[in-house]
Amino acid sequence: MNAISRRSATAAAGAAVVLAGLITGAGPATAAGTAACTPSVQLLPSLPGLSGGTVLGFGTGGLAVGESGGRPAYWTGAEHAVHAVPLPAGFDRGSVKAVSATGLMVGTATRESDHAGVAFTHQQGAAVSEALTTPAADGTSADVDVNASGRVVAVDRGVAKEWVNGKVVRELPVPAGEIPGTRIISLNGINKRGDIVGTATGSYFDADNDIEVTKTFPVVWPAGGGYPPYSLQVWNGYHRAFATVGRDIDDRGRVIGLEDYYYRNDPKLTPAVWKKPYDALPTDPGRLAGHRHLELSGSSPTTNAAVGTATTFEESWPSSFQAVYWPGKGAPLALPAPAGAPGDVPLTRAFAATDDDRVGGSVTDRNTREGSAVIWNCASGQAYAPQG
């Protein structure tokens, strides 16, 4: 069981609410180079008849994308009006993961009949969405991303591919010299330049030592295809208990992600950061004060900020979540729960960050499971170090 399968589903409903402050005595953090802004938290409306939601990405002109009640959605304007994105034909649930500068959205969808998943594309304003990949095998998840210029990346029938204007422009090879059986299982991010980060895994039986050898690790493919891919180094490999994943790549080529350890009901999530020229082990930015586990999920394109979630486990299952903002140096910081959030025990998560200091994520009440998609504005101005 990995970190993704252990996650509890994001749920809930909400309307636009603004919070100013909720900063502890430790004071706000300030992101270098960030223009003056007013710290606030906004709870975004849900699609009619549905509840809950998550912001997973940002576009131009205030556009935010994600999911609402398990359906792909996006929000526009100062009031963040919510809009439904049609699912590909035959699919029941899904989310929008990212959007280009011209409104090309990419997402993933699943169907109840066989739990198969696809990656899809949707041009903002179009009447339909188009499946990009062939439906994956039962229980196999899909990942997809698009950069500002509209280059799309995903794994299709076991082959890692890049599309431009709906046509495959290159297939991404497995790095040379890896263990037998290595294959690409996901493509998780593409930056403005076109550098791509994904995750590979390989496994074989070592008869000499009578053990199963497994390695799961991030890979970076440089833009254009003129250079071989980089296998990023990992702290622990060759045992199925460890899976190291690259989640995002910024415009400078910095990769963020995590090492996910799970063995005998003993989970551990360790944040990881790799920098060019990718010739060293990842660095660990540390933990949010008072928390043992942290995963990084998204990064701003150029300001060095990253966001994610600190998790608390009870009997190997996640019992609480805290949205985290990391400025790129120093200790990770917490983002405040929004005023007016449903319920009494808010669980917050963060998935996407922008250069203009917005962070997108979700809030869910632990007891009622009610919640909302969330945007933290001027996130660096309200991120704080927990006390005690």
Foldseek 3Di string as FASTA:
>chain_A
DWPVVQDDDAWAFDFWDWDFFPFDPQAFFAFPPFDDDTWIKTFHGADPPGTGWWFQEDEPQGKTWWHHRQFTWIFHDPRGDIDGAADAPQFDGWTWRYAANQQWTKIKTAHDPQRWMFIWIDRPPDPHIGTLADTDHRPQGWEKYAERQGWIWTAHPQWTFIDDPSHTPDTADDAPPDDPAKTWRTWAEAEPQGKTKGKIKGWDADVVVRDIFIFIFMKIQGPPNPDHIDTADEPDGRDPQWHWTFHYAAQQGKTKWWIWGDDPQDTATFIWIAHPPRPDYTDGQDAQPPARHWTWHEDARPSQKTKWWGFDDDSSHTQAIFIWIDRNHHHIFTFDDHPPWPDDAKHWTWHYAYPNGKTWTWIAHRPPSHIGTMITGNRSNHTHRDDD
